[in-house]
N, C-alpha and C. Protein backbone atom coordinates (compact mmCIF):
# COMPACT_ATOMS: atom_id res chain seq x y z
N UNK A 1 19.17 15.05 -22.94
CA UNK A 1 17.34 14.54 -22.09
C UNK A 1 17.89 15.10 -20.74
N UNK A 2 17.07 15.15 -19.75
CA UNK A 2 17.10 15.09 -18.05
C UNK A 2 16.94 14.11 -18.08
N UNK A 3 18.07 13.32 -16.52
CA UNK A 3 17.76 12.57 -15.55
C UNK A 3 16.51 12.73 -15.39
N UNK A 4 15.76 13.08 -15.37
CA UNK A 4 14.08 12.82 -14.43
C UNK A 4 13.39 12.41 -15.66
N UNK A 5 13.51 13.33 -16.93
CA UNK A 5 13.14 12.83 -17.80
C UNK A 5 13.18 11.31 -18.88
N UNK A 6 14.37 10.74 -18.36
CA UNK A 6 14.84 9.67 -19.02
C UNK A 6 14.38 9.16 -18.20
N UNK A 7 14.29 9.13 -16.70
CA UNK A 7 13.68 8.40 -16.18
C UNK A 7 12.24 7.86 -16.12
N UNK A 8 11.19 9.28 -16.44
CA UNK A 8 9.92 8.80 -16.82
C UNK A 8 9.74 8.12 -17.99
N UNK A 9 10.16 8.52 -19.16
CA UNK A 9 10.65 7.73 -20.40
C UNK A 9 10.91 6.56 -20.15
N UNK A 10 11.84 5.99 -19.52
CA UNK A 10 11.87 4.38 -18.82
C UNK A 10 10.57 3.58 -18.16
N UNK A 11 10.05 4.30 -17.06
CA UNK A 11 9.26 4.28 -16.22
C UNK A 11 8.27 3.77 -17.17
N UNK A 12 6.95 4.20 -18.61
CA UNK A 12 6.66 4.90 -19.77
C UNK A 12 6.53 3.37 -20.47
N UNK A 13 7.61 3.21 -20.53
CA UNK A 13 8.23 2.11 -21.69
C UNK A 13 8.00 0.65 -20.51
N UNK A 14 7.98 0.36 -19.54
CA UNK A 14 7.82 -0.60 -18.23
C UNK A 14 6.14 -1.37 -19.00
N UNK A 15 5.74 0.09 -19.01
CA UNK A 15 3.93 0.00 -18.27
C UNK A 15 3.41 -0.14 -19.80
N UNK A 16 4.57 -0.49 -21.14
CA UNK A 16 4.16 -0.15 -22.32
C UNK A 16 2.38 -0.81 -22.43
N UNK A 17 1.36 -0.67 -22.89
CA UNK A 17 0.94 -2.05 -23.12
C UNK A 17 -0.08 -2.74 -22.42
N UNK A 18 0.02 -2.00 -21.25
CA UNK A 18 -1.02 -2.41 -20.42
C UNK A 18 -1.67 -0.61 -19.78
N UNK A 19 -2.79 -0.91 -18.82
CA UNK A 19 -3.72 0.74 -18.46
C UNK A 19 -3.19 0.45 -17.04
N UNK A 20 -1.24 0.54 -17.09
CA UNK A 20 -1.15 0.98 -16.29
C UNK A 20 0.04 1.85 -16.10
N UNK A 21 0.12 2.42 -15.25
CA UNK A 21 1.30 3.79 -15.20
C UNK A 21 1.84 4.05 -13.91
N UNK A 22 2.69 5.03 -13.74
CA UNK A 22 3.04 5.39 -12.19
C UNK A 22 3.96 6.86 -12.50
N UNK A 23 3.52 7.59 -11.70
CA UNK A 23 4.70 9.28 -11.74
C UNK A 23 5.81 8.95 -10.53
N UNK A 24 7.02 9.11 -11.05
CA UNK A 24 8.05 9.47 -10.45
C UNK A 24 8.06 10.43 -9.33
N UNK A 25 8.66 10.24 -8.04
CA UNK A 25 8.41 11.87 -7.35
C UNK A 25 9.86 12.61 -7.20
N UNK A 26 10.03 13.71 -7.37
CA UNK A 26 11.29 14.33 -8.13
C UNK A 26 12.10 14.57 -7.68
N UNK A 27 12.17 13.84 -6.25
CA UNK A 27 13.63 13.69 -5.14
C UNK A 27 14.06 12.45 -4.47
N UNK A 28 15.22 12.05 -4.28
CA UNK A 28 15.45 10.65 -4.18
C UNK A 28 15.72 10.80 -2.00
N UNK A 29 15.37 9.84 -1.54
CA UNK A 29 15.12 9.41 -0.28
C UNK A 29 13.93 10.04 0.33
N UNK A 30 14.24 10.72 2.17
CA UNK A 30 13.18 10.82 2.33
C UNK A 30 12.17 11.73 1.90
N UNK A 31 12.63 12.65 0.70
CA UNK A 31 12.54 13.98 0.30
C UNK A 31 11.41 13.65 -0.87
N UNK A 32 10.98 11.86 -1.26
CA UNK A 32 10.21 12.03 -2.37
C UNK A 32 9.28 11.48 -1.83
N UNK A 33 8.86 11.33 -0.23
CA UNK A 33 8.07 10.91 0.46
C UNK A 33 6.76 12.01 0.07
N UNK A 34 6.02 11.57 -0.06
CA UNK A 34 4.68 12.67 -0.09
C UNK A 34 4.02 12.79 1.69
N UNK A 35 4.28 12.59 2.48
CA UNK A 35 3.63 12.55 3.99
C UNK A 35 2.71 12.70 4.49
N UNK A 36 1.84 12.66 4.83
CA UNK A 36 0.83 12.80 6.34
C UNK A 36 -0.28 11.48 5.64
N UNK A 37 0.55 10.09 5.61
CA UNK A 37 -0.95 9.22 5.07
C UNK A 37 -1.56 8.41 5.94
N UNK A 38 -2.14 7.84 5.65
CA UNK A 38 -3.13 7.33 6.40
C UNK A 38 -3.08 6.90 7.95
N UNK A 39 -1.70 5.70 7.34
CA UNK A 39 -0.81 5.41 8.48
C UNK A 39 -0.56 6.19 9.35
N UNK A 40 -0.05 7.22 9.47
CA UNK A 40 -0.10 8.36 10.13
C UNK A 40 -0.01 9.65 9.73
N UNK A 41 -0.76 10.06 9.73
CA UNK A 41 -1.58 12.18 9.53
C UNK A 41 -0.82 12.40 9.98
N UNK A 42 -0.10 12.48 11.36
CA UNK A 42 0.36 13.63 11.57
C UNK A 42 1.73 13.49 11.40
N UNK A 43 2.47 12.53 11.40
CA UNK A 43 3.73 12.42 10.97
C UNK A 43 4.66 12.16 11.77
N UNK A 44 3.79 11.44 13.22
CA UNK A 44 4.52 11.70 14.12
C UNK A 44 4.71 10.27 15.14
N UNK A 45 4.79 9.48 14.12
CA UNK A 45 5.12 7.99 14.59
C UNK A 45 6.41 7.56 15.58
N UNK A 46 6.96 6.71 15.83
CA UNK A 46 8.30 6.86 16.23
C UNK A 46 9.09 5.28 15.22
N UNK A 47 9.70 5.61 14.50
CA UNK A 47 10.28 4.82 13.85
C UNK A 47 10.72 3.62 14.55
N UNK A 48 11.14 3.93 15.61
CA UNK A 48 11.73 2.82 16.07
C UNK A 48 10.77 1.36 17.01
N UNK A 49 9.15 2.14 16.87
CA UNK A 49 9.27 0.91 17.66
C UNK A 49 7.34 1.57 17.06
N UNK A 50 6.36 0.67 17.85
CA UNK A 50 4.73 0.54 17.05
C UNK A 50 3.77 2.38 18.30
N UNK A 51 4.54 3.13 18.24
CA UNK A 51 4.01 4.27 18.66
C UNK A 51 3.64 5.68 17.85
N UNK A 52 2.09 5.83 17.87
CA UNK A 52 1.81 6.37 16.97
C UNK A 52 1.57 7.02 15.88
N UNK A 53 1.46 5.44 15.66
CA UNK A 53 0.58 5.33 14.05
C UNK A 53 -1.03 4.80 14.15
N UNK A 54 -1.49 5.70 13.38
CA UNK A 54 -3.26 5.22 13.30
C UNK A 54 -3.53 4.16 12.52
N UNK A 55 -3.08 3.43 12.66
CA UNK A 55 -2.97 1.58 12.17
C UNK A 55 -2.62 0.74 13.03
N UNK A 56 -2.91 -0.41 12.97
CA UNK A 56 -2.46 -1.64 13.32
C UNK A 56 -1.46 -2.49 11.91
N UNK A 57 -0.12 -2.98 12.34
CA UNK A 57 0.73 -3.66 11.60
C UNK A 57 0.66 -5.42 12.01
N UNK A 58 0.29 -6.15 10.49
CA UNK A 58 0.72 -6.65 10.75
C UNK A 58 2.04 -7.39 9.05
N UNK A 59 2.49 -8.67 9.47
CA UNK A 59 3.42 -8.91 8.66
C UNK A 59 3.51 -10.38 8.37
N UNK A 60 3.47 -11.40 7.43
CA UNK A 60 3.65 -12.34 7.12
C UNK A 60 5.41 -13.32 7.75
N UNK A 61 6.29 -12.17 8.07
CA UNK A 61 7.71 -12.58 8.44
C UNK A 61 8.40 -11.19 8.71
N UNK A 62 9.17 -11.20 9.80
CA UNK A 62 9.71 -10.08 10.36
C UNK A 62 9.04 -9.34 10.94
N UNK A 63 8.06 -9.15 11.67
CA UNK A 63 6.97 -7.48 12.00
C UNK A 63 7.92 -7.03 12.73
N UNK A 64 7.63 -5.85 12.91
CA UNK A 64 8.00 -5.46 13.79
C UNK A 64 8.55 -4.19 13.56
N UNK A 65 9.21 -2.73 14.33
CA UNK A 65 10.02 -1.75 14.16
C UNK A 65 11.36 -1.98 14.50
N UNK A 66 12.32 -1.26 14.21
CA UNK A 66 13.82 -1.37 15.63
C UNK A 66 14.65 -1.78 15.07
N UNK A 67 15.47 -2.30 15.71
CA UNK A 67 16.35 -2.89 15.53
C UNK A 67 17.16 -4.00 14.32
N UNK A 68 16.55 -3.87 13.02
CA UNK A 68 16.59 -4.65 12.82
C UNK A 68 15.73 -4.23 10.86
N UNK A 69 15.99 -5.26 9.32
CA UNK A 69 15.25 -4.96 8.91
C UNK A 69 13.81 -5.32 8.51
N UNK A 70 13.11 -5.14 9.32
CA UNK A 70 11.81 -5.51 9.93
C UNK A 70 10.76 -4.59 9.19
N UNK A 71 9.48 -5.49 8.72
CA UNK A 71 8.38 -5.37 7.66
C UNK A 71 8.02 -4.07 8.20
N UNK A 72 7.63 -3.56 9.62
CA UNK A 72 6.95 -2.54 9.09
C UNK A 72 7.93 -1.04 9.23
N UNK A 73 8.66 -1.47 9.10
CA UNK A 73 9.78 0.30 8.65
C UNK A 73 9.19 0.73 7.31
N UNK A 74 8.38 -0.38 6.10
CA UNK A 74 7.85 0.24 5.65
C UNK A 74 6.34 1.49 5.88
N UNK A 75 6.40 1.71 7.37
CA UNK A 75 5.38 2.63 7.47
C UNK A 75 6.11 3.42 8.57
N UNK A 76 7.55 3.18 8.06
CA UNK A 76 8.05 4.47 9.65
C UNK A 76 8.64 6.19 8.72
N UNK A 77 7.66 6.31 7.65
CA UNK A 77 8.25 7.96 7.28
C UNK A 77 9.73 7.85 6.64
N UNK A 78 10.27 7.08 6.64
CA UNK A 78 12.12 7.03 6.18
C UNK A 78 12.38 6.14 4.88
N UNK A 79 12.97 6.37 3.93
CA UNK A 79 13.66 5.62 3.23
C UNK A 79 14.85 5.68 3.20
N UNK A 80 15.80 4.43 3.23
CA UNK A 80 16.73 3.98 3.25
C UNK A 80 17.63 2.90 3.19
N UNK A 81 18.17 2.41 3.84
CA UNK A 81 18.81 1.10 4.29
C UNK A 81 18.58 1.01 5.75
N UNK A 82 19.43 -0.01 6.19
CA UNK A 82 19.58 -0.78 7.75
C UNK A 82 18.32 -0.91 8.41
N UNK A 83 18.49 -0.40 8.86
CA UNK A 83 16.87 0.05 9.55
C UNK A 83 15.36 1.10 9.04
N UNK A 84 16.37 1.23 7.72
CA UNK A 84 14.45 2.08 7.35
C UNK A 84 14.51 1.52 6.10
N UNK A 85 14.23 0.43 6.14
CA UNK A 85 13.41 -0.53 5.28
C UNK A 85 13.66 -2.09 5.12
N UNK A 86 12.36 -2.52 5.09
CA UNK A 86 12.29 -3.77 5.12
C UNK A 86 12.92 -5.00 4.40
N UNK A 87 13.68 -5.92 4.61
CA UNK A 87 14.62 -7.27 3.33
C UNK A 87 14.51 -8.31 4.27
N UNK A 88 13.87 -9.00 3.80
CA UNK A 88 12.75 -10.66 4.14
C UNK A 88 13.48 -11.53 3.25
N UNK A 89 12.73 -12.88 3.07
CA UNK A 89 12.84 -13.50 2.00
C UNK A 89 11.43 -13.14 1.05
N UNK A 90 11.69 -14.22 0.08
CA UNK A 90 10.68 -13.88 -0.97
C UNK A 90 9.25 -14.32 -0.45
N UNK A 91 7.89 -14.13 -0.65
CA UNK A 91 6.59 -14.43 -1.16
C UNK A 91 6.26 -13.37 0.09
N UNK A 92 6.16 -12.88 1.12
CA UNK A 92 5.57 -12.14 1.88
C UNK A 92 4.43 -11.14 1.79
N UNK A 93 4.00 -10.70 2.59
CA UNK A 93 3.10 -9.55 3.02
C UNK A 93 3.04 -8.66 3.62
N UNK A 94 3.56 -7.15 4.48
CA UNK A 94 2.77 -6.77 5.06
C UNK A 94 1.89 -5.21 5.11
N UNK A 95 0.64 -5.73 6.29
CA UNK A 95 -0.67 -4.97 5.93
C UNK A 95 -0.80 -3.95 6.92
N UNK A 96 -1.50 -2.28 6.83
CA UNK A 96 -1.99 -1.83 7.95
C UNK A 96 -3.25 -1.76 7.72
N UNK A 97 -3.79 -2.11 9.16
CA UNK A 97 -5.66 -2.22 10.06
C UNK A 97 -5.74 -1.37 9.83
N UNK A 98 -7.12 -0.58 9.97
CA UNK A 98 -7.89 1.02 10.58
C UNK A 98 -8.59 0.32 11.34
N UNK A 99 -8.50 -0.92 11.83
CA UNK A 99 -10.14 -1.02 12.60
C UNK A 99 -11.62 -0.66 12.17
N UNK A 100 -12.05 0.36 12.88
CA UNK A 100 -13.73 -0.11 12.26
C UNK A 100 -13.80 1.71 11.29
N UNK A 101 -12.46 1.72 10.50
CA UNK A 101 -12.65 2.87 9.60
C UNK A 101 -12.62 2.24 8.58
N UNK A 102 -13.18 2.70 7.00
CA UNK A 102 -12.70 2.27 6.36
C UNK A 102 -12.29 3.69 5.41
N UNK A 103 -11.36 3.19 4.52
CA UNK A 103 -11.34 3.85 3.25
C UNK A 103 -11.31 3.46 1.88
N UNK A 104 -11.87 4.34 1.08
CA UNK A 104 -11.36 4.06 -0.48
C UNK A 104 -9.86 4.96 -0.96
N UNK A 105 -9.16 3.74 -0.99
CA UNK A 105 -8.15 4.21 -1.40
C UNK A 105 -7.81 5.22 -3.08
N UNK A 106 -7.25 6.47 -2.64
CA UNK A 106 -7.06 7.39 -3.84
C UNK A 106 -5.58 7.31 -4.55
N UNK A 107 -4.74 6.78 -3.60
CA UNK A 107 -2.85 6.95 -3.96
C UNK A 107 -2.68 5.95 -3.10
N UNK A 108 -1.43 6.28 -3.34
CA UNK A 108 -0.10 4.97 -2.52
C UNK A 108 0.57 5.31 -3.38
N UNK A 109 2.08 5.26 -2.48
CA UNK A 109 3.13 5.09 -3.28
C UNK A 109 4.20 4.48 -2.41
N UNK A 110 5.59 3.61 -2.93
CA UNK A 110 5.84 2.51 -2.98
C UNK A 110 7.73 3.27 -3.33
N UNK A 111 8.42 3.29 -2.11
CA UNK A 111 10.11 3.98 -2.30
C UNK A 111 10.86 1.75 -2.37
N UNK A 112 11.58 2.65 -3.17
CA UNK A 112 12.71 1.25 -3.50
C UNK A 112 13.46 1.62 -2.11
N UNK A 113 14.12 0.69 -2.14
CA UNK A 113 15.19 0.45 -1.04
C UNK A 113 16.62 1.04 -1.43
N UNK A 114 17.90 0.49 -0.49
CA UNK A 114 19.76 0.61 -1.09
C UNK A 114 20.23 -0.13 -1.60
N UNK A 115 19.34 -1.32 -1.36
CA UNK A 115 20.66 -1.98 -1.91
C UNK A 115 19.88 -2.68 -3.25
N UNK A 116 20.65 -3.56 -3.83
CA UNK A 116 21.09 -3.91 -5.52
C UNK A 116 19.58 -3.30 -5.97
N UNK A 117 19.28 -3.43 -7.53
CA UNK A 117 17.72 -3.42 -7.96
C UNK A 117 17.35 -4.91 -7.99
N UNK A 118 18.75 -5.89 -7.80
CA UNK A 118 18.10 -7.18 -8.63
C UNK A 118 16.89 -7.79 -7.01
N UNK A 119 17.21 -7.39 -5.74
CA UNK A 119 16.13 -6.88 -4.97
C UNK A 119 14.52 -6.90 -4.90
N UNK A 120 14.24 -5.86 -5.52
CA UNK A 120 13.28 -4.87 -6.15
C UNK A 120 12.24 -6.03 -6.65
N UNK A 121 11.31 -6.14 -6.24
CA UNK A 121 10.22 -7.22 -6.69
C UNK A 121 9.55 -6.67 -7.46
N UNK A 122 8.92 -7.15 -9.00
CA UNK A 122 8.69 -6.86 -10.28
C UNK A 122 7.25 -7.86 -10.24
N UNK A 123 6.66 -8.66 -9.01
CA UNK A 123 5.78 -8.96 -8.81
C UNK A 123 4.78 -8.62 -7.61
N UNK A 124 4.02 -7.64 -7.80
CA UNK A 124 3.71 -7.52 -6.41
C UNK A 124 1.85 -6.84 -6.53
N UNK A 125 1.75 -6.79 -5.53
CA UNK A 125 0.02 -6.09 -5.43
C UNK A 125 0.09 -5.53 -4.40
N UNK A 126 -1.47 -4.87 -4.68
CA UNK A 126 -1.79 -4.00 -3.26
C UNK A 126 -3.53 -4.75 -3.25
N UNK A 127 -3.73 -4.81 -2.33
CA UNK A 127 -5.06 -6.02 -1.41
C UNK A 127 -5.58 -4.90 -0.70
N UNK A 128 -6.74 -4.82 -0.72
CA UNK A 128 -7.73 -4.14 0.70
C UNK A 128 -8.84 -5.51 1.14
N UNK A 129 -9.21 -5.39 2.13
CA UNK A 129 -10.33 -6.04 2.91
C UNK A 129 -11.03 -5.50 3.88
N UNK A 130 -12.01 -6.35 4.49
CA UNK A 130 -12.41 -5.70 5.83
C UNK A 130 -12.95 -7.05 6.92
N UNK A 131 -11.80 -8.22 7.00
CA UNK A 131 -12.00 -8.77 7.37
C UNK A 131 -10.81 -9.82 8.37
N UNK A 132 -9.82 -9.33 7.45
CA UNK A 132 -8.36 -10.16 7.42
C UNK A 132 -8.74 -12.05 6.86
N UNK A 133 -9.74 -12.18 6.26
CA UNK A 133 -9.69 -12.86 5.80
C UNK A 133 -9.84 -13.25 3.93
N UNK A 134 -11.06 -12.57 3.92
CA UNK A 134 -11.13 -12.26 2.36
C UNK A 134 -10.61 -10.83 1.62
N UNK A 135 -9.80 -10.95 0.65
CA UNK A 135 -8.96 -10.08 0.06
C UNK A 135 -9.21 -9.55 -1.44
N UNK A 136 -9.22 -8.51 -1.33
CA UNK A 136 -9.55 -8.05 -2.38
C UNK A 136 -8.65 -7.17 -3.42
N UNK A 137 -8.17 -7.74 -4.62
CA UNK A 137 -6.75 -7.51 -5.53
C UNK A 137 -7.81 -5.68 -5.67
N UNK A 138 -6.61 -4.41 -5.52
CA UNK A 138 -6.71 -3.20 -6.37
C UNK A 138 -5.56 -2.76 -6.90
N UNK A 139 -4.94 -3.46 -6.99
CA UNK A 139 -3.12 -2.81 -8.13
C UNK A 139 -2.68 -4.01 -8.21
N UNK A 140 -2.06 -4.44 -9.46
CA UNK A 140 -1.25 -5.12 -9.38
C UNK A 140 -0.38 -4.38 -10.37
N UNK A 141 1.12 -5.40 -10.20
CA UNK A 141 2.27 -4.59 -11.19
C UNK A 141 3.09 -6.23 -11.34
N UNK A 142 3.48 -6.48 -12.65
CA UNK A 142 3.79 -8.06 -12.70
C UNK A 142 4.26 -7.18 -14.71
N UNK A 143 5.79 -6.90 -14.34
CA UNK A 143 7.19 -6.97 -15.60
C UNK A 143 8.14 -7.49 -15.04
N UNK A 144 8.72 -7.95 -16.13
CA UNK A 144 10.11 -8.17 -16.07
C UNK A 144 11.10 -7.64 -15.03
N UNK A 145 10.66 -6.32 -15.33
CA UNK A 145 12.12 -5.21 -14.43
C UNK A 145 10.54 -4.35 -13.34
N UNK A 146 11.83 -4.13 -12.34
CA UNK A 146 10.83 -3.28 -11.31
C UNK A 146 10.31 -2.10 -11.97
N UNK A 147 9.41 -1.56 -11.03
CA UNK A 147 8.78 0.26 -11.67
C UNK A 147 9.78 0.83 -10.76
N UNK A 148 11.09 1.13 -10.67
CA UNK A 148 11.56 1.52 -9.75
C UNK A 148 13.49 2.12 -11.61
N UNK A 149 14.54 3.31 -10.89
CA UNK A 149 14.61 3.70 -11.73
C UNK A 149 15.69 3.56 -11.42
N UNK A 150 15.69 3.49 -9.61
CA UNK A 150 16.58 4.20 -9.12
C UNK A 150 16.88 4.09 -7.95
N UNK A 151 18.03 3.92 -6.83
CA UNK A 151 18.00 3.15 -5.64
C UNK A 151 17.16 4.78 -4.59
N UNK A 152 16.14 4.58 -3.36
CA UNK A 152 15.89 5.11 -3.02
C UNK A 152 14.56 6.81 -3.51
N UNK A 153 13.67 6.02 -3.91
CA UNK A 153 13.22 6.24 -5.13
C UNK A 153 11.37 6.06 -5.09
N UNK A 154 10.60 7.24 -4.97
CA UNK A 154 9.27 6.73 -4.82
C UNK A 154 8.51 7.53 -5.31
N UNK A 155 7.71 6.37 -6.39
CA UNK A 155 6.68 5.95 -7.39
C UNK A 155 5.55 6.22 -6.65
N UNK A 156 4.19 6.85 -7.23
CA UNK A 156 3.16 7.57 -7.07
C UNK A 156 1.93 6.67 -7.37
N UNK A 157 0.91 5.58 -7.78
CA UNK A 157 0.40 5.82 -8.15
C UNK A 157 -1.39 6.39 -7.79
N UNK A 158 -2.03 6.65 -8.88
CA UNK A 158 -3.39 7.76 -8.58
C UNK A 158 -4.42 6.59 -9.16
N UNK A 159 -5.44 6.57 -8.18
CA UNK A 159 -7.05 5.71 -8.45
C UNK A 159 -7.35 6.38 -9.90
N UNK A 160 -7.78 5.79 -10.73
CA UNK A 160 -8.69 6.36 -12.17
C UNK A 160 -7.17 6.47 -13.03
N UNK A 161 -6.17 6.25 -13.32
CA UNK A 161 -5.31 6.04 -14.24
C UNK A 161 -4.32 5.35 -13.99
N UNK A 162 -4.17 4.69 -12.50
CA UNK A 162 -3.46 3.97 -12.46
C UNK A 162 -3.96 2.20 -12.31
N UNK A 163 -4.43 2.27 -11.58
CA UNK A 163 -5.73 1.61 -10.80
C UNK A 163 -7.25 1.75 -10.60
N UNK A 164 -7.79 1.10 -11.13
CA UNK A 164 -9.76 1.84 -10.86
C UNK A 164 -9.81 1.85 -9.83
N UNK A 165 -11.30 3.06 -9.34
CA UNK A 165 -11.22 3.46 -7.73
C UNK A 165 -12.34 2.06 -6.92
N UNK A 166 -11.32 1.89 -6.04
CA UNK A 166 -11.89 0.60 -5.73
C UNK A 166 -13.17 0.58 -4.42
N UNK A 167 -12.62 -0.08 -3.84
CA UNK A 167 -14.64 -0.47 -2.44
C UNK A 167 -13.54 0.12 -1.15
N UNK A 168 -13.86 0.47 0.13
CA UNK A 168 -13.77 1.18 0.56
C UNK A 168 -13.13 0.44 1.85
N UNK A 169 -12.11 -0.24 2.15
CA UNK A 169 -11.34 -1.40 2.95
C UNK A 169 -10.91 -0.99 4.26
N UNK A 170 -11.12 -1.47 5.78
CA UNK A 170 -10.04 -1.83 6.40
C UNK A 170 -8.74 -2.09 6.64
N UNK A 171 -8.22 -3.04 5.33
CA UNK A 171 -6.62 -2.86 5.46
C UNK A 171 -6.91 -3.04 4.11
N UNK A 172 -4.94 -2.46 4.67
CA UNK A 172 -4.43 -2.36 2.95
C UNK A 172 -2.87 -3.40 2.77
N UNK A 173 -2.81 -4.47 2.12
CA UNK A 173 -2.12 -4.97 2.08
C UNK A 173 -1.17 -5.07 0.84
N UNK A 174 0.19 -4.55 1.09
CA UNK A 174 1.02 -4.85 -0.04
C UNK A 174 1.68 -6.43 0.35
N UNK A 175 1.48 -7.30 -1.11
CA UNK A 175 1.76 -8.82 -1.17
C UNK A 175 3.00 -8.39 -2.78
N UNK A 176 4.42 -8.83 -1.75
CA UNK A 176 4.81 -9.34 -3.16
C UNK A 176 4.73 -11.21 -3.91
N UNK A 177 5.22 -11.39 -4.91
CA UNK A 177 4.99 -12.28 -5.52
C UNK A 177 6.52 -12.99 -5.56
N UNK A 178 7.58 -12.36 -6.24
CA UNK A 178 8.51 -12.47 -6.48
C UNK A 178 9.59 -10.80 -7.24
N UNK A 179 10.63 -11.47 -8.00
CA UNK A 179 11.66 -10.44 -7.33
C UNK A 179 12.44 -10.51 -8.89
N UNK A 180 12.94 -9.74 -9.26
CA UNK A 180 13.76 -8.99 -10.39
C UNK A 180 14.70 -10.40 -10.50
N UNK A 181 15.54 -10.60 -10.03
CA UNK A 181 16.49 -11.76 -9.71
C UNK A 181 17.07 -12.46 -8.78
N UNK A 182 17.00 -11.61 -7.95
CA UNK A 182 17.18 -12.16 -5.91
C UNK A 182 17.23 -12.95 -5.04
N UNK A 183 17.50 -13.73 -4.06
CA UNK A 183 17.15 -14.41 -3.46
C UNK A 183 16.35 -13.93 -1.89
N UNK A 184 16.52 -12.60 -2.31
CA UNK A 184 15.89 -12.08 -1.25
C UNK A 184 15.02 -10.62 -1.36
N UNK A 185 14.47 -10.30 -1.12
CA UNK A 185 13.36 -9.42 -0.95
C UNK A 185 13.29 -7.69 -0.08
N UNK A 186 12.64 -6.33 -1.24
CA UNK A 186 13.76 -5.44 -0.39
C UNK A 186 12.78 -4.33 -0.36
N UNK A 187 11.87 -3.75 0.60
CA UNK A 187 11.09 -2.34 -0.21
C UNK A 187 11.63 -1.54 1.53
N UNK A 188 11.25 -0.09 0.94
CA UNK A 188 12.13 0.71 1.64
C UNK A 188 10.42 1.38 2.61
N UNK A 189 9.37 1.77 1.65
CA UNK A 189 8.69 2.48 2.64
C UNK A 189 7.57 2.17 1.25
N UNK A 190 6.11 2.55 1.97
CA UNK A 190 5.03 2.86 1.63
C UNK A 190 3.93 3.55 2.35
N UNK A 191 3.12 4.77 1.68
CA UNK A 191 2.09 5.61 2.18
C UNK A 191 0.84 5.36 1.44
N UNK A 192 -0.41 5.55 2.21
CA UNK A 192 -1.61 4.69 2.19
C UNK A 192 -2.42 6.34 1.78
N UNK A 193 -2.68 6.50 1.51
CA UNK A 193 -4.13 7.84 0.72
C UNK A 193 -5.60 7.45 0.82
N UNK A 194 -6.61 7.97 0.93
CA UNK A 194 -7.91 7.94 0.78
C UNK A 194 -8.34 8.87 1.61
N UNK A 195 -10.25 8.53 1.28
CA UNK A 195 -10.96 9.37 1.86
C UNK A 195 -12.08 8.51 2.76
N UNK A 196 -12.24 8.52 3.71
CA UNK A 196 -13.08 7.59 4.88
C UNK A 196 -14.50 7.55 4.58
N UNK A 197 -15.17 6.27 4.18
CA UNK A 197 -16.14 5.98 4.13
C UNK A 197 -17.14 5.76 5.30
N UNK A 198 -18.44 7.02 4.98
CA UNK A 198 -18.66 6.95 6.38
C UNK A 198 -20.20 5.70 6.03
N UNK A 199 -19.63 5.15 7.64
CA UNK A 199 -20.70 3.79 7.49
C UNK A 199 -22.02 3.72 8.04
N UNK A 200 -23.19 3.44 8.03
CA UNK A 200 -24.08 4.04 8.82
C UNK A 200 -24.12 3.30 9.64
N UNK A 201 -24.96 4.63 10.76
CA UNK A 201 -24.52 3.98 12.77
C UNK A 201 -25.67 2.95 13.23
N UNK A 202 -25.25 2.55 13.87
CA UNK A 202 -26.17 1.33 14.36
C UNK A 202 -27.59 1.53 14.58
N UNK A 203 -27.92 2.61 14.98
CA UNK A 203 -29.68 2.93 14.69
C UNK A 203 -30.04 2.73 13.27
N UNK A 204 -29.09 2.96 12.19
CA UNK A 204 -30.11 3.13 10.88
C UNK A 204 -29.60 1.80 10.13
N UNK A 205 -28.55 0.92 11.03
CA UNK A 205 -28.82 -0.24 10.26
C UNK A 205 -29.91 -1.03 11.52
N UNK A 206 -30.16 -0.65 12.42
CA UNK A 206 -31.52 -1.55 12.93
C UNK A 206 -32.43 -1.13 12.07
N UNK A 207 -33.15 0.10 11.56
CA UNK A 207 -34.03 0.12 11.21
C UNK A 207 -34.58 -0.22 9.98
N UNK A 208 -33.44 0.16 8.91
CA UNK A 208 -33.03 -0.99 7.52
C UNK A 208 -33.64 -2.61 7.95
N UNK A 209 -32.53 -2.95 8.67
CA UNK A 209 -33.33 -4.32 9.25
C UNK A 209 -34.77 -4.33 8.97
N UNK A 210 -34.88 -3.86 10.44
CA UNK A 210 -36.64 -3.74 10.60
C UNK A 210 -37.63 -4.12 9.63
N UNK A 211 -36.72 -2.62 8.61
CA UNK A 211 -38.06 -2.75 7.26
C UNK A 211 -38.00 -3.79 6.24
N UNK A 212 -36.51 -4.42 6.53
CA UNK A 212 -36.66 -5.13 5.51
C UNK A 212 -37.27 -6.41 5.95
N UNK A 213 -37.40 -6.78 7.09
CA UNK A 213 -38.51 -7.62 8.18
C UNK A 213 -39.75 -7.60 7.80
N UNK A 214 -40.00 -6.20 8.08
CA UNK A 214 -41.42 -5.79 7.10
C UNK A 214 -42.21 -5.94 5.90
N UNK A 215 -40.72 -5.39 5.34
CA UNK A 215 -41.10 -5.78 3.74
C UNK A 215 -41.72 -7.12 3.31
N UNK A 216 -40.44 -8.02 3.67
CA UNK A 216 -40.52 -9.90 3.74
C UNK A 216 -42.14 -10.27 4.50
N UNK A 217 -42.75 -9.85 5.46
CA UNK A 217 -43.63 -10.71 5.71
C UNK A 217 -44.55 -10.10 4.88
N UNK A 218 -44.90 -8.83 4.68
CA UNK A 218 -45.95 -7.85 3.71
C UNK A 218 -46.54 -9.35 2.42
N UNK A 219 -44.52 -9.11 1.75
CA UNK A 219 -45.11 -10.56 0.63
C UNK A 219 -45.22 -12.02 0.62
N UNK A 220 -44.70 -11.98 2.38
CA UNK A 220 -45.62 -13.28 2.80
C UNK A 220 -47.00 -13.55 2.73
N UNK A 221 -47.23 -12.73 3.07
CA UNK A 221 -48.91 -12.52 2.95
C UNK A 221 -49.84 -11.98 2.02
N UNK A 222 -49.10 -11.37 1.02
CA UNK A 222 -49.72 -11.75 0.25
C UNK A 222 -49.01 -12.73 -1.59
């Protein structure tokens, strides 16, 4: 039995009895990344500082690039240890905000870091929001073990197979709720992929509003 086939079989068993599944990318490290995701479609973001990215990043703990195992390292297009990963206390979140653009998430990847598997999250979510206040769950993982079967491994999840096609959101958040066995959490990388939702132009919104007011006035007179 090949190593890849065995890994796929393990992942299938982890998700047995649920509607969830996962696709292990065939190579480890940076080679496992898809590349060109929504946060950096040109793949030219600076992994040491917040330059060249198409999103604003925020986190509940350890925000920043470069010089440490900071939260924004999950968007730096690198899978590894040290400054290539986020390692933090439990219960943290990190998010990408695309401003006035909204996207329907069609797939995403999550990559394990280099450290011991006990620091991998075994309960985590991908959430969407348009105001940074109210968040909707897009995907949830809740199993005794993590989804990863190897270090520096990238797993990809697809809408329609692993989660229901969601609405369009301007913010995507990763939230960890618990880890396998250790007092610390780690994650190497996230990639978000989706299609941009075309929002109505301001003039169209005004016309729609005036039309609604006119309809309400006619009903009132009737």
